[in-house]
């Protein structure tokens, strides 16, 4: 520890030791659960962390599907920023992380990845709906509804706009992606999202995707993350296999 005027803080060595201790405790708890499950005396507890795009619709339905074949499984799901999700995986606080990544991260094993291009989304009766193609310049002249500045989705939009020297104005900023989707469904604005998050809304016809050529270049990746140094228990591996198939099913 380093002594401070008001208490103590961990040194760099202390942070490493604390992370090691958390991972050791996590592994010990997992082994205990697996031994108990072999005796049919315990549930399979899987701890997850994800960004909000996964939590609103996709993961609840995917977990429900998994429990149909593994009914003894139970889950703890925490919603956080992409950086926090990765930290929780690295520190052994959760078993699996679901995130949208813009690059590689140390100590993280990416067990599944898939491109996650940015989609421009409007209500079916929006003025832009039905257009065969629309430029980014014209698109951002319409009212926009956007997530917070720390979201990878917002960062990508900034990259695309800065390349063309475009400015945009959001009429609704919210970290709640469901709020943005519902606002777009009302016809009040254009919003953006990954296909996984809005898959059910596109299939139902509640939202329509716009063809914006500038958004076709993809920098964002869906990642399923685990701790690089940790062997995966069978239950977690089975869940990852299940969830990977659901993501890829389109």
C-alpha atoms as a PDB file:
ATOM      1  CA  UNK A   1       0.000   0.000   0.000  1.00  0.00           C
ATOM      2  CA  UNK A   2       0.914   3.668  -0.410  1.00  0.00           C
ATOM      3  CA  UNK A   3       0.001   5.830   2.529  1.00  0.00           C
ATOM      4  CA  UNK A   4      -2.033   8.929   1.647  1.00  0.00           C
ATOM      5  CA  UNK A   5      -3.168  11.862   3.811  1.00  0.00           C
ATOM      6  CA  UNK A   6      -6.580  10.184   4.045  1.00  0.00           C
ATOM      7  CA  UNK A   7      -5.896   6.470   4.155  1.00  0.00           C
ATOM      8  CA  UNK A   8      -4.030   4.152   1.805  1.00  0.00           C
ATOM      9  CA  UNK A   9      -4.127   3.192  -1.885  1.00  0.00           C
ATOM     10  CA  UNK A  10      -2.878   0.118  -3.690  1.00  0.00           C
ATOM     11  CA  UNK A  11       0.515   0.243  -5.346  1.00  0.00           C
ATOM     12  CA  UNK A  12       0.965  -1.168  -8.854  1.00  0.00           C
ATOM     13  CA  UNK A  13       2.182  -4.412  -7.263  1.00  0.00           C
ATOM     14  CA  UNK A  14      -0.831  -4.371  -4.968  1.00  0.00           C
ATOM     15  CA  UNK A  15      -3.197  -4.036  -7.929  1.00  0.00           C
ATOM     16  CA  UNK A  16      -1.594  -7.079  -9.560  1.00  0.00           C
ATOM     17  CA  UNK A  17      -1.854  -9.101  -6.352  1.00  0.00           C
ATOM     18  CA  UNK A  18      -5.479  -8.079  -5.815  1.00  0.00           C
ATOM     19  CA  UNK A  19      -6.369  -9.120  -9.363  1.00  0.00           C
ATOM     20  CA  UNK A  20      -4.638 -12.454  -8.864  1.00  0.00           C
ATOM     21  CA  UNK A  21      -6.517 -13.019  -5.603  1.00  0.00           C
ATOM     22  CA  UNK A  22      -9.879 -12.242  -7.229  1.00  0.00           C
ATOM     23  CA  UNK A  23      -9.185 -14.650 -10.090  1.00  0.00           C
ATOM     24  CA  UNK A  24      -8.082 -17.367  -7.665  1.00  0.00           C
ATOM     25  CA  UNK A  25     -11.274 -16.987  -5.646  1.00  0.00           C
ATOM     26  CA  UNK A  26     -13.341 -17.058  -8.849  1.00  0.00           C
ATOM     27  CA  UNK A  27     -11.669 -20.286  -9.989  1.00  0.00           C
ATOM     28  CA  UNK A  28     -12.157 -21.854  -6.560  1.00  0.00           C
ATOM     29  CA  UNK A  29     -15.850 -20.937  -6.559  1.00  0.00           C
ATOM     30  CA  UNK A  30     -16.277 -22.332 -10.065  1.00  0.00           C
ATOM     31  CA  UNK A  31     -14.625 -25.643  -9.128  1.00  0.00           C
ATOM     32  CA  UNK A  32     -16.884 -25.890  -6.092  1.00  0.00           C
ATOM     33  CA  UNK A  33     -19.951 -25.291  -8.244  1.00  0.00           C
ATOM     34  CA  UNK A  34     -18.847 -27.897 -10.769  1.00  0.00           C
ATOM     35  CA  UNK A  35     -18.242 -30.515  -8.064  1.00  0.00           C
ATOM     36  CA  UNK A  36     -21.630 -29.784  -6.548  1.00  0.00           C
ATOM     37  CA  UNK A  37     -23.331 -29.897  -9.946  1.00  0.00           C
ATOM     38  CA  UNK A  38     -21.874 -33.355 -10.543  1.00  0.00           C
ATOM     39  CA  UNK A  39     -23.734 -34.396  -7.405  1.00  0.00           C
ATOM     40  CA  UNK A  40     -26.847 -32.634  -8.732  1.00  0.00           C
ATOM     41  CA  UNK A  41     -26.783 -30.481  -5.635  1.00  0.00           C
ATOM     42  CA  UNK A  42     -26.078 -27.079  -7.133  1.00  0.00           C
ATOM     43  CA  UNK A  43     -27.082 -24.734  -9.901  1.00  0.00           C
ATOM     44  CA  UNK A  44     -24.709 -23.677 -12.659  1.00  0.00           C
ATOM     45  CA  UNK A  45     -24.003 -20.016 -11.906  1.00  0.00           C
ATOM     46  CA  UNK A  46     -22.659 -17.950 -14.825  1.00  0.00           C
ATOM     47  CA  UNK A  47     -21.644 -14.324 -14.300  1.00  0.00           C
ATOM     48  CA  UNK A  48     -21.932 -11.992 -17.292  1.00  0.00           C
ATOM     49  CA  UNK A  49     -21.089  -8.364 -18.036  1.00  0.00           C
ATOM     50  CA  UNK A  50     -22.228  -6.567 -21.174  1.00  0.00           C
ATOM     51  CA  UNK A  51     -22.768  -3.194 -22.745  1.00  0.00           C
ATOM     52  CA  UNK A  52     -26.344  -1.995 -22.902  1.00  0.00           C
ATOM     53  CA  UNK A  53     -26.943  -3.023 -26.495  1.00  0.00           C
ATOM     54  CA  UNK A  54     -26.753  -6.672 -25.480  1.00  0.00           C
ATOM     55  CA  UNK A  55     -28.879  -6.332 -22.352  1.00  0.00           C
ATOM     56  CA  UNK A  56     -32.159  -4.878 -23.579  1.00  0.00           C
ATOM     57  CA  UNK A  57     -33.350  -7.717 -25.809  1.00  0.00           C
ATOM     58  CA  UNK A  58     -30.689 -10.035 -27.177  1.00  0.00           C
ATOM     59  CA  UNK A  59     -29.169 -11.553 -24.022  1.00  0.00           C
ATOM     60  CA  UNK A  60     -32.448 -12.099 -22.113  1.00  0.00           C
ATOM     61  CA  UNK A  61     -33.837 -14.153 -25.000  1.00  0.00           C
ATOM     62  CA  UNK A  62     -30.543 -15.984 -25.564  1.00  0.00           C
ATOM     63  CA  UNK A  63     -30.317 -16.890 -21.871  1.00  0.00           C
ATOM     64  CA  UNK A  64     -33.913 -18.104 -21.922  1.00  0.00           C
ATOM     65  CA  UNK A  65     -33.084 -20.328 -24.898  1.00  0.00           C
ATOM     66  CA  UNK A  66     -30.049 -21.779 -23.117  1.00  0.00           C
ATOM     67  CA  UNK A  67     -32.057 -22.576 -19.993  1.00  0.00           C
ATOM     68  CA  UNK A  68     -34.448 -24.668 -22.057  1.00  0.00           C
ATOM     69  CA  UNK A  69     -31.628 -27.179 -22.545  1.00  0.00           C
ATOM     70  CA  UNK A  70     -29.725 -26.486 -19.293  1.00  0.00           C
ATOM     71  CA  UNK A  71     -32.506 -25.636 -16.808  1.00  0.00           C
ATOM     72  CA  UNK A  72     -30.193 -25.805 -13.780  1.00  0.00           C
ATOM     73  CA  UNK A  73     -28.219 -22.794 -15.059  1.00  0.00           C
ATOM     74  CA  UNK A  74     -28.611 -19.416 -13.378  1.00  0.00           C
ATOM     75  CA  UNK A  75     -27.128 -16.068 -14.398  1.00  0.00           C
ATOM     76  CA  UNK A  76     -25.918 -12.780 -12.972  1.00  0.00           C
ATOM     77  CA  UNK A  77     -25.908 -10.019 -15.597  1.00  0.00           C
ATOM     78  CA  UNK A  78     -24.252  -6.632 -15.085  1.00  0.00           C
ATOM     79  CA  UNK A  79     -24.529  -3.774 -17.579  1.00  0.00           C
ATOM     80  CA  UNK A  80     -21.551  -1.429 -17.953  1.00  0.00           C
ATOM     81  CA  UNK A  81     -19.458   0.536 -20.440  1.00  0.00           C
ATOM     82  CA  UNK A  82     -17.241  -1.354 -22.884  1.00  0.00           C
ATOM     83  CA  UNK A  83     -14.147  -0.464 -20.883  1.00  0.00           C
ATOM     84  CA  UNK A  84     -15.737  -1.583 -17.624  1.00  0.00           C
ATOM     85  CA  UNK A  85     -16.907  -4.871 -19.154  1.00  0.00           C
ATOM     86  CA  UNK A  86     -13.346  -5.656 -20.214  1.00  0.00           C
ATOM     87  CA  UNK A  87     -12.004  -4.672 -16.778  1.00  0.00           C
ATOM     88  CA  UNK A  88     -14.446  -7.000 -15.021  1.00  0.00           C
ATOM     89  CA  UNK A  89     -13.376  -9.878 -17.268  1.00  0.00           C
ATOM     90  CA  UNK A  90      -9.672  -9.112 -16.721  1.00  0.00           C
ATOM     91  CA  UNK A  91     -10.090  -8.914 -12.955  1.00  0.00           C
ATOM     92  CA  UNK A  92     -12.070 -12.156 -12.793  1.00  0.00           C
ATOM     93  CA  UNK A  93     -15.220 -10.481 -11.507  1.00  0.00           C
ATOM     94  CA  UNK A  94     -17.307 -12.107 -14.269  1.00  0.00           C
ATOM     95  CA  UNK A  95     -16.980 -15.219 -16.402  1.00  0.00           C
ATOM     96  CA  UNK A  96     -17.887 -13.730 -19.776  1.00  0.00           C
ATOM     97  CA  UNK A  97     -17.971 -10.231 -21.221  1.00  0.00           C
ATOM     98  CA  UNK A  98     -20.022  -9.054 -24.205  1.00  0.00           C
ATOM     99  CA  UNK A  99     -18.837  -5.851 -25.790  1.00  0.00           C
ATOM    100  CA  UNK A 100     -18.342  -3.826 -28.961  1.00  0.00           C
ATOM    101  CA  UNK A 101     -14.630  -3.332 -29.451  1.00  0.00           C
ATOM    102  CA  UNK A 102     -12.518  -1.026 -31.586  1.00  0.00           C
ATOM    103  CA  UNK A 103      -9.229  -2.877 -30.969  1.00  0.00           C
ATOM    104  CA  UNK A 104      -7.326  -5.627 -29.161  1.00  0.00           C
ATOM    105  CA  UNK A 105      -7.024  -5.617 -25.360  1.00  0.00           C
ATOM    106  CA  UNK A 106      -4.333  -7.212 -23.193  1.00  0.00           C
ATOM    107  CA  UNK A 107      -5.086 -10.267 -21.024  1.00  0.00           C
ATOM    108  CA  UNK A 108      -8.361 -10.824 -22.871  1.00  0.00           C
ATOM    109  CA  UNK A 109      -9.201 -13.905 -24.904  1.00  0.00           C
ATOM    110  CA  UNK A 110     -11.753 -13.151 -27.619  1.00  0.00           C
ATOM    111  CA  UNK A 111     -13.590 -16.464 -27.961  1.00  0.00           C
ATOM    112  CA  UNK A 112     -15.974 -15.139 -30.624  1.00  0.00           C
ATOM    113  CA  UNK A 113     -16.018 -12.032 -32.799  1.00  0.00           C
ATOM    114  CA  UNK A 114     -18.136 -10.697 -35.626  1.00  0.00           C
ATOM    115  CA  UNK A 115     -18.243  -7.382 -37.526  1.00  0.00           C
ATOM    116  CA  UNK A 116     -20.844  -4.970 -36.156  1.00  0.00           C
ATOM    117  CA  UNK A 117     -21.344  -2.203 -38.728  1.00  0.00           C
ATOM    118  CA  UNK A 118     -23.148   0.966 -37.807  1.00  0.00           C
ATOM    119  CA  UNK A 119     -26.745   1.066 -39.074  1.00  0.00           C
ATOM    120  CA  UNK A 120     -28.766   4.233 -39.677  1.00  0.00           C
ATOM    121  CA  UNK A 121     -32.351   3.607 -38.561  1.00  0.00           C
ATOM    122  CA  UNK A 122     -35.678   5.376 -39.066  1.00  0.00           C
ATOM    123  CA  UNK A 123     -39.383   4.714 -38.724  1.00  0.00           C
ATOM    124  CA  UNK A 124     -40.945   3.099 -41.833  1.00  0.00           C
ATOM    125  CA  UNK A 125     -42.890   6.300 -42.546  1.00  0.00           C
ATOM    126  CA  UNK A 126     -39.892   8.630 -42.097  1.00  0.00           C
ATOM    127  CA  UNK A 127     -39.103  10.964 -45.005  1.00  0.00           C
ATOM    128  CA  UNK A 128     -35.878   9.044 -45.718  1.00  0.00           C
ATOM    129  CA  UNK A 129     -37.388   5.559 -45.586  1.00  0.00           C
ATOM    130  CA  UNK A 130     -37.568   3.834 -48.941  1.00  0.00           C
ATOM    131  CA  UNK A 131     -34.705   5.821 -50.459  1.00  0.00           C
ATOM    132  CA  UNK A 132     -32.336   3.554 -52.392  1.00  0.00           C
ATOM    133  CA  UNK A 133     -29.341   5.451 -51.018  1.00  0.00           C
ATOM    134  CA  UNK A 134     -28.579   8.504 -48.908  1.00  0.00           C
ATOM    135  CA  UNK A 135     -25.295  10.275 -48.232  1.00  0.00           C
ATOM    136  CA  UNK A 136     -24.003  10.824 -44.720  1.00  0.00           C
ATOM    137  CA  UNK A 137     -23.965  14.562 -45.392  1.00  0.00           C
ATOM    138  CA  UNK A 138     -27.696  14.607 -46.100  1.00  0.00           C
ATOM    139  CA  UNK A 139     -28.452  12.194 -43.285  1.00  0.00           C
ATOM    140  CA  UNK A 140     -26.915  14.309 -40.520  1.00  0.00           C
ATOM    141  CA  UNK A 141     -28.954  17.319 -41.636  1.00  0.00           C
ATOM    142  CA  UNK A 142     -32.013  15.573 -40.163  1.00  0.00           C
ATOM    143  CA  UNK A 143     -32.779  15.423 -36.417  1.00  0.00           C
ATOM    144  CA  UNK A 144     -30.659  12.741 -34.755  1.00  0.00           C
ATOM    145  CA  UNK A 145     -31.040  10.705 -31.556  1.00  0.00           C
ATOM    146  CA  UNK A 146     -27.675   9.476 -30.270  1.00  0.00           C
ATOM    147  CA  UNK A 147     -26.065   7.597 -27.371  1.00  0.00           C
ATOM    148  CA  UNK A 148     -23.537   9.182 -25.021  1.00  0.00           C
ATOM    149  CA  UNK A 149     -20.074  10.300 -26.111  1.00  0.00           C
ATOM    150  CA  UNK A 150     -18.372   7.266 -24.543  1.00  0.00           C
ATOM    151  CA  UNK A 151     -20.366   4.772 -26.617  1.00  0.00           C
ATOM    152  CA  UNK A 152     -18.429   3.079 -29.448  1.00  0.00           C
ATOM    153  CA  UNK A 153     -21.403   3.798 -31.690  1.00  0.00           C
ATOM    154  CA  UNK A 154     -21.058   7.557 -31.090  1.00  0.00           C
ATOM    155  CA  UNK A 155     -17.286   7.365 -31.540  1.00  0.00           C
ATOM    156  CA  UNK A 156     -17.724   5.697 -34.928  1.00  0.00           C
ATOM    157  CA  UNK A 157     -20.175   8.349 -36.086  1.00  0.00           C
ATOM    158  CA  UNK A 158     -17.663  11.020 -35.050  1.00  0.00           C
ATOM    159  CA  UNK A 159     -14.969   9.273 -37.113  1.00  0.00           C
ATOM    160  CA  UNK A 160     -17.144   9.097 -40.212  1.00  0.00           C
ATOM    161  CA  UNK A 161     -18.266  12.723 -39.894  1.00  0.00           C
ATOM    162  CA  UNK A 162     -14.793  14.112 -39.177  1.00  0.00           C
ATOM    163  CA  UNK A 163     -13.472  12.530 -42.375  1.00  0.00           C
ATOM    164  CA  UNK A 164     -15.883  14.678 -44.380  1.00  0.00           C
ATOM    165  CA  UNK A 165     -15.761  17.732 -42.138  1.00  0.00           C
ATOM    166  CA  UNK A 166     -19.399  17.281 -41.161  1.00  0.00           C
ATOM    167  CA  UNK A 167     -21.093  18.669 -38.090  1.00  0.00           C
ATOM    168  CA  UNK A 168     -24.254  17.191 -36.634  1.00  0.00           C
ATOM    169  CA  UNK A 169     -26.748  18.084 -33.938  1.00  0.00           C
ATOM    170  CA  UNK A 170     -28.488  15.562 -31.733  1.00  0.00           C
ATOM    171  CA  UNK A 171     -32.011  16.449 -30.559  1.00  0.00           C
ATOM    172  CA  UNK A 172     -31.956  13.609 -28.019  1.00  0.00           C
ATOM    173  CA  UNK A 173     -28.907  12.235 -26.219  1.00  0.00           C
ATOM    174  CA  UNK A 174     -29.419   9.199 -24.029  1.00  0.00           C
ATOM    175  CA  UNK A 175     -27.379   6.285 -22.696  1.00  0.00           C
ATOM    176  CA  UNK A 176     -30.551   4.206 -22.854  1.00  0.00           C
ATOM    177  CA  UNK A 177     -30.621   2.596 -26.301  1.00  0.00           C
ATOM    178  CA  UNK A 178     -34.261   1.546 -25.926  1.00  0.00           C
ATOM    179  CA  UNK A 179     -35.173   5.206 -25.474  1.00  0.00           C
ATOM    180  CA  UNK A 180     -33.358   6.117 -28.695  1.00  0.00           C
ATOM    181  CA  UNK A 181     -35.023   3.294 -30.611  1.00  0.00           C
ATOM    182  CA  UNK A 182     -38.494   4.269 -29.414  1.00  0.00           C
ATOM    183  CA  UNK A 183     -37.825   7.903 -30.275  1.00  0.00           C
ATOM    184  CA  UNK A 184     -36.860   6.848 -33.810  1.00  0.00           C
ATOM    185  CA  UNK A 185     -39.915   4.593 -34.059  1.00  0.00           C
ATOM    186  CA  UNK A 186     -42.050   7.653 -33.327  1.00  0.00           C
ATOM    187  CA  UNK A 187     -40.661   9.235 -36.497  1.00  0.00           C
ATOM    188  CA  UNK A 188     -39.031  12.109 -34.621  1.00  0.00           C
ATOM    189  CA  UNK A 189     -35.401  11.373 -35.513  1.00  0.00           C
ATOM    190  CA  UNK A 190     -32.785   9.182 -37.155  1.00  0.00           C
ATOM    191  CA  UNK A 191     -30.900   6.952 -34.755  1.00  0.00           C
ATOM    192  CA  UNK A 192     -28.027   4.487 -35.100  1.00  0.00           C
ATOM    193  CA  UNK A 193     -27.419   1.005 -33.806  1.00  0.00           C
ATOM    194  CA  UNK A 194     -25.807  -2.356 -34.341  1.00  0.00           C
ATOM    195  CA  UNK A 195     -27.771  -5.068 -36.139  1.00  0.00           C
ATOM    196  CA  UNK A 196     -27.750  -7.312 -33.070  1.00  0.00           C
ATOM    197  CA  UNK A 197     -29.470  -4.721 -30.903  1.00  0.00           C
ATOM    198  CA  UNK A 198     -32.204  -3.853 -33.428  1.00  0.00           C
ATOM    199  CA  UNK A 199     -32.580  -7.260 -35.089  1.00  0.00           C
ATOM    200  CA  UNK A 200     -36.037  -7.832 -33.617  1.00  0.00           C
ATOM    201  CA  UNK A 201     -37.170  -4.301 -34.531  1.00  0.00           C
ATOM    202  CA  UNK A 202     -36.055  -4.714 -38.147  1.00  0.00           C
ATOM    203  CA  UNK A 203     -37.769  -8.095 -38.435  1.00  0.00           C
ATOM    204  CA  UNK A 204     -41.012  -6.719 -36.992  1.00  0.00           C
ATOM    205  CA  UNK A 205     -40.923  -3.683 -39.296  1.00  0.00           C
ATOM    206  CA  UNK A 206     -40.841  -1.208 -36.402  1.00  0.00           C
ATOM    207  CA  UNK A 207     -37.613   0.291 -37.800  1.00  0.00           C
ATOM    208  CA  UNK A 208     -36.116   0.465 -41.282  1.00  0.00           C
ATOM    209  CA  UNK A 209     -32.417   0.487 -42.186  1.00  0.00           C
ATOM    210  CA  UNK A 210     -31.104   3.220 -44.479  1.00  0.00           C
ATOM    211  CA  UNK A 211     -28.475   2.569 -47.142  1.00  0.00           C
ATOM    212  CA  UNK A 212     -25.634   4.979 -46.260  1.00  0.00           C
ATOM    213  CA  UNK A 213     -22.474   4.072 -48.255  1.00  0.00           C
ATOM    214  CA  UNK A 214     -20.137   5.895 -45.829  1.00  0.00           C
ATOM    215  CA  UNK A 215     -21.227   3.593 -42.999  1.00  0.00           C
ATOM    216  CA  UNK A 216     -20.305   0.398 -44.857  1.00  0.00           C
ATOM    217  CA  UNK A 217     -16.669   0.521 -43.753  1.00  0.00           C
ATOM    218  CA  UNK A 218     -16.615  -1.314 -40.471  1.00  0.00           C
ATOM    219  CA  UNK A 219     -14.318  -0.664 -37.519  1.00  0.00           C
ATOM    220  CA  UNK A 220     -16.459  -2.084 -34.716  1.00  0.00           C
ATOM    221  CA  UNK A 221     -16.447  -5.729 -33.674  1.00  0.00           C
ATOM    222  CA  UNK A 222     -18.785  -7.739 -31.450  1.00  0.00           C
ATOM    223  CA  UNK A 223     -16.624  -9.598 -28.950  1.00  0.00           C
ATOM    224  CA  UNK A 224     -17.294 -12.369 -26.458  1.00  0.00           C
ATOM    225  CA  UNK A 225     -14.458 -12.003 -23.967  1.00  0.00           C
ATOM    226  CA  UNK A 226     -12.970 -14.287 -21.322  1.00  0.00           C
ATOM    227  CA  UNK A 227      -9.873 -14.057 -19.157  1.00  0.00           C
ATOM    228  CA  UNK A 228      -6.891 -15.161 -21.250  1.00  0.00           C
ATOM    229  CA  UNK A 229      -5.189 -17.176 -18.504  1.00  0.00           C
ATOM    230  CA  UNK A 230      -8.288 -19.031 -17.328  1.00  0.00           C
ATOM    231  CA  UNK A 231      -9.404 -22.481 -18.588  1.00  0.00           C
ATOM    232  CA  UNK A 232     -13.146 -22.383 -19.228  1.00  0.00           C
ATOM    233  CA  UNK A 233     -15.431 -24.705 -17.264  1.00  0.00           C
ATOM    234  CA  UNK A 234     -17.727 -26.871 -19.373  1.00  0.00           C
ATOM    235  CA  UNK A 235     -20.892 -24.951 -18.482  1.00  0.00           C
ATOM    236  CA  UNK A 236     -19.376 -21.654 -19.613  1.00  0.00           C
ATOM    237  CA  UNK A 237     -18.043 -23.193 -22.823  1.00  0.00           C
ATOM    238  CA  UNK A 238     -21.497 -24.582 -23.607  1.00  0.00           C
ATOM    239  CA  UNK A 239     -23.080 -21.180 -23.054  1.00  0.00           C
ATOM    240  CA  UNK A 240     -20.508 -19.483 -25.294  1.00  0.00           C
ATOM    241  CA  UNK A 241     -21.224 -22.008 -28.050  1.00  0.00           C
ATOM    242  CA  UNK A 242     -24.943 -21.351 -27.687  1.00  0.00           C
ATOM    243  CA  UNK A 243     -24.661 -17.589 -27.694  1.00  0.00           C
ATOM    244  CA  UNK A 244     -22.240 -17.582 -30.650  1.00  0.00           C
ATOM    245  CA  UNK A 245     -24.752 -19.500 -32.761  1.00  0.00           C
ATOM    246  CA  UNK A 246     -27.515 -17.064 -31.833  1.00  0.00           C
ATOM    247  CA  UNK A 247     -25.366 -14.048 -32.772  1.00  0.00           C
ATOM    248  CA  UNK A 248     -24.388 -15.605 -36.108  1.00  0.00           C
ATOM    249  CA  UNK A 249     -27.931 -16.672 -36.983  1.00  0.00           C
ATOM    250  CA  UNK A 250     -28.871 -13.168 -38.143  1.00  0.00           C
END
